[in-house]
Amino acid sequence: MSERKRKTFSADFKAKVALEAIHGVKTLNEIAQEYEVHPVQVSNWKKELQQQAASLFEQKRGPKPVDPVEDPEKLYSEIGRLKVELEWLKKKSEISR
């Protein structure tokens, strides 16, 4: 009995094959032969890409919110900067009186 190792494919490879299937220039069988995968697998990747395509556009643009737990050093530096700025403003307001 021969043991065949299961092939693993990268996400880039799957996306490339699925996009080609979506374009519809070649049949699923032609694509499967070209990339040496089963036609059912090509169909599954195509279906998965179509289902998850909408989620690519759900996120809004702009900077992602920073989780305070992930980067406490940034928060401490911001606190320090704000304290210095506050002291400077207090001194400036005393001088202008």
C-alpha atoms as a PDB file:
ATOM      1  CA  MET A   1       0.000   0.000   0.000  1.00  0.00           C
ATOM      2  CA  SER A   2       1.530   3.319  -1.036  1.00  0.00           C
ATOM      3  CA  GLU A   3       1.091   6.358   1.120  1.00  0.00           C
ATOM      4  CA  ARG A   4       0.430   9.537  -0.785  1.00  0.00           C
ATOM      5  CA  LYS A   5       1.076  12.780   0.964  1.00  0.00           C
ATOM      6  CA  ARG A   6      -1.677  15.312   0.786  1.00  0.00           C
ATOM      7  CA  LYS A   7      -0.786  18.380  -1.254  1.00  0.00           C
ATOM      8  CA  THR A   8      -1.034  21.733   0.446  1.00  0.00           C
ATOM      9  CA  PHE A   9      -1.554  24.881  -1.561  1.00  0.00           C
ATOM     10  CA  SER A  10      -0.730  28.433  -0.595  1.00  0.00           C
ATOM     11  CA  ALA A  11      -3.399  31.084  -0.351  1.00  0.00           C
ATOM     12  CA  ASP A  12      -1.847  32.898  -3.315  1.00  0.00           C
ATOM     13  CA  PHE A  13      -2.088  29.785  -5.461  1.00  0.00           C
ATOM     14  CA  LYS A  14      -5.711  29.184  -4.478  1.00  0.00           C
ATOM     15  CA  ALA A  15      -6.622  32.794  -5.226  1.00  0.00           C
ATOM     16  CA  LYS A  16      -4.892  32.658  -8.606  1.00  0.00           C
ATOM     17  CA  VAL A  17      -6.739  29.489  -9.620  1.00  0.00           C
ATOM     18  CA  ALA A  18     -10.071  30.761  -8.280  1.00  0.00           C
ATOM     19  CA  LEU A  19      -9.739  34.084 -10.102  1.00  0.00           C
ATOM     20  CA  GLU A  20      -8.970  32.299 -13.331  1.00  0.00           C
ATOM     21  CA  ALA A  21     -12.078  30.155 -12.827  1.00  0.00           C
ATOM     22  CA  ILE A  22     -14.180  33.262 -12.194  1.00  0.00           C
ATOM     23  CA  HIS A  23     -12.909  34.922 -15.374  1.00  0.00           C
ATOM     24  CA  GLY A  24     -14.464  32.049 -17.309  1.00  0.00           C
ATOM     25  CA  VAL A  25     -11.994  32.074 -20.203  1.00  0.00           C
ATOM     26  CA  LYS A  26     -11.167  28.389 -19.647  1.00  0.00           C
ATOM     27  CA  THR A  27     -13.332  25.578 -18.380  1.00  0.00           C
ATOM     28  CA  LEU A  28     -12.868  24.219 -14.868  1.00  0.00           C
ATOM     29  CA  ASN A  29     -11.395  21.036 -16.344  1.00  0.00           C
ATOM     30  CA  GLU A  30      -8.820  22.983 -18.370  1.00  0.00           C
ATOM     31  CA  ILE A  31      -7.818  25.007 -15.331  1.00  0.00           C
ATOM     32  CA  ALA A  32      -7.596  21.874 -13.203  1.00  0.00           C
ATOM     33  CA  GLN A  33      -5.334  20.180 -15.743  1.00  0.00           C
ATOM     34  CA  GLU A  34      -3.130  23.243 -16.063  1.00  0.00           C
ATOM     35  CA  TYR A  35      -2.579  23.581 -12.306  1.00  0.00           C
ATOM     36  CA  GLU A  36      -2.697  19.830 -11.566  1.00  0.00           C
ATOM     37  CA  VAL A  37      -5.611  19.941  -9.135  1.00  0.00           C
ATOM     38  CA  HIS A  38      -9.002  18.243  -9.175  1.00  0.00           C
ATOM     39  CA  PRO A  39     -11.817  20.145 -10.934  1.00  0.00           C
ATOM     40  CA  VAL A  40     -13.980  19.878  -7.812  1.00  0.00           C
ATOM     41  CA  GLN A  41     -11.222  21.631  -5.866  1.00  0.00           C
ATOM     42  CA  VAL A  42     -11.154  24.451  -8.416  1.00  0.00           C
ATOM     43  CA  SER A  43     -14.916  24.765  -8.091  1.00  0.00           C
ATOM     44  CA  ASN A  44     -14.680  24.872  -4.279  1.00  0.00           C
ATOM     45  CA  TRP A  45     -12.003  27.576  -4.353  1.00  0.00           C
ATOM     46  CA  LYS A  46     -14.067  29.607  -6.827  1.00  0.00           C
ATOM     47  CA  LYS A  47     -17.164  29.330  -4.633  1.00  0.00           C
ATOM     48  CA  GLU A  48     -15.196  30.260  -1.509  1.00  0.00           C
ATOM     49  CA  LEU A  49     -13.705  33.313  -3.213  1.00  0.00           C
ATOM     50  CA  GLN A  50     -17.121  34.499  -4.352  1.00  0.00           C
ATOM     51  CA  GLN A  51     -18.578  34.081  -0.865  1.00  0.00           C
ATOM     52  CA  GLN A  52     -15.765  35.926   0.871  1.00  0.00           C
ATOM     53  CA  ALA A  53     -15.351  38.708  -1.691  1.00  0.00           C
ATOM     54  CA  ALA A  54     -17.894  40.938   0.059  1.00  0.00           C
ATOM     55  CA  SER A  55     -15.975  40.791   3.332  1.00  0.00           C
ATOM     56  CA  LEU A  56     -13.017  42.506   1.651  1.00  0.00           C
ATOM     57  CA  PHE A  57     -15.030  45.708   1.384  1.00  0.00           C
ATOM     58  CA  GLU A  58     -16.733  45.635   4.790  1.00  0.00           C
ATOM     59  CA  GLN A  59     -13.858  47.237   6.656  1.00  0.00           C
ATOM     60  CA  LYS A  60     -13.623  50.991   6.594  1.00  0.00           C
ATOM     61  CA  ARG A  61     -10.524  52.808   5.500  1.00  0.00           C
ATOM     62  CA  GLY A  62      -8.213  54.631   7.792  1.00  0.00           C
ATOM     63  CA  PRO A  63      -5.982  53.648  10.639  1.00  0.00           C
ATOM     64  CA  LYS A  64      -7.020  50.673  12.655  1.00  0.00           C
ATOM     65  CA  PRO A  65      -7.840  51.395  16.298  1.00  0.00           C
ATOM     66  CA  VAL A  66      -4.961  50.614  18.618  1.00  0.00           C
ATOM     67  CA  ASP A  67      -5.708  48.195  21.414  1.00  0.00           C
ATOM     68  CA  PRO A  68      -4.225  49.700  24.618  1.00  0.00           C
ATOM     69  CA  VAL A  69      -3.321  46.269  25.924  1.00  0.00           C
ATOM     70  CA  GLU A  70      -1.184  45.539  22.859  1.00  0.00           C
ATOM     71  CA  ASP A  71       1.070  48.597  23.010  1.00  0.00           C
ATOM     72  CA  PRO A  72       1.420  50.129  26.496  1.00  0.00           C
ATOM     73  CA  GLU A  73       4.726  51.808  25.567  1.00  0.00           C
ATOM     74  CA  LYS A  74       2.939  54.064  23.079  1.00  0.00           C
ATOM     75  CA  LEU A  75       0.416  55.071  25.726  1.00  0.00           C
ATOM     76  CA  TYR A  76       3.105  55.894  28.287  1.00  0.00           C
ATOM     77  CA  SER A  77       4.955  58.067  25.787  1.00  0.00           C
ATOM     78  CA  GLU A  78       1.712  59.856  24.909  1.00  0.00           C
ATOM     79  CA  ILE A  79       0.970  60.472  28.599  1.00  0.00           C
ATOM     80  CA  GLY A  80       4.469  61.883  29.081  1.00  0.00           C
ATOM     81  CA  ARG A  81       4.128  64.170  26.084  1.00  0.00           C
ATOM     82  CA  LEU A  82       0.769  65.447  27.316  1.00  0.00           C
ATOM     83  CA  LYS A  83       2.133  66.114  30.821  1.00  0.00           C
ATOM     84  CA  VAL A  84       5.005  68.186  29.423  1.00  0.00           C
ATOM     85  CA  GLU A  85       2.585  70.102  27.208  1.00  0.00           C
ATOM     86  CA  LEU A  86       0.252  70.757  30.151  1.00  0.00           C
ATOM     87  CA  GLU A  87       3.107  72.070  32.324  1.00  0.00           C
ATOM     88  CA  TRP A  88       4.255  74.331  29.503  1.00  0.00           C
ATOM     89  CA  LEU A  89       0.735  75.710  29.055  1.00  0.00           C
ATOM     90  CA  LYS A  90       0.414  76.339  32.816  1.00  0.00           C
ATOM     91  CA  LYS A  91       3.705  78.280  32.832  1.00  0.00           C
ATOM     92  CA  LYS A  92       2.674  80.259  29.760  1.00  0.00           C
ATOM     93  CA  SER A  93      -0.666  81.206  31.330  1.00  0.00           C
ATOM     94  CA  GLU A  94       1.117  82.432  34.535  1.00  0.00           C
ATOM     95  CA  ILE A  95       3.435  84.641  32.510  1.00  0.00           C
ATOM     96  CA  SER A  96       0.645  86.273  30.508  1.00  0.00           C
ATOM     97  CA  ARG A  97      -1.291  87.313  33.642  1.00  0.00           C
END
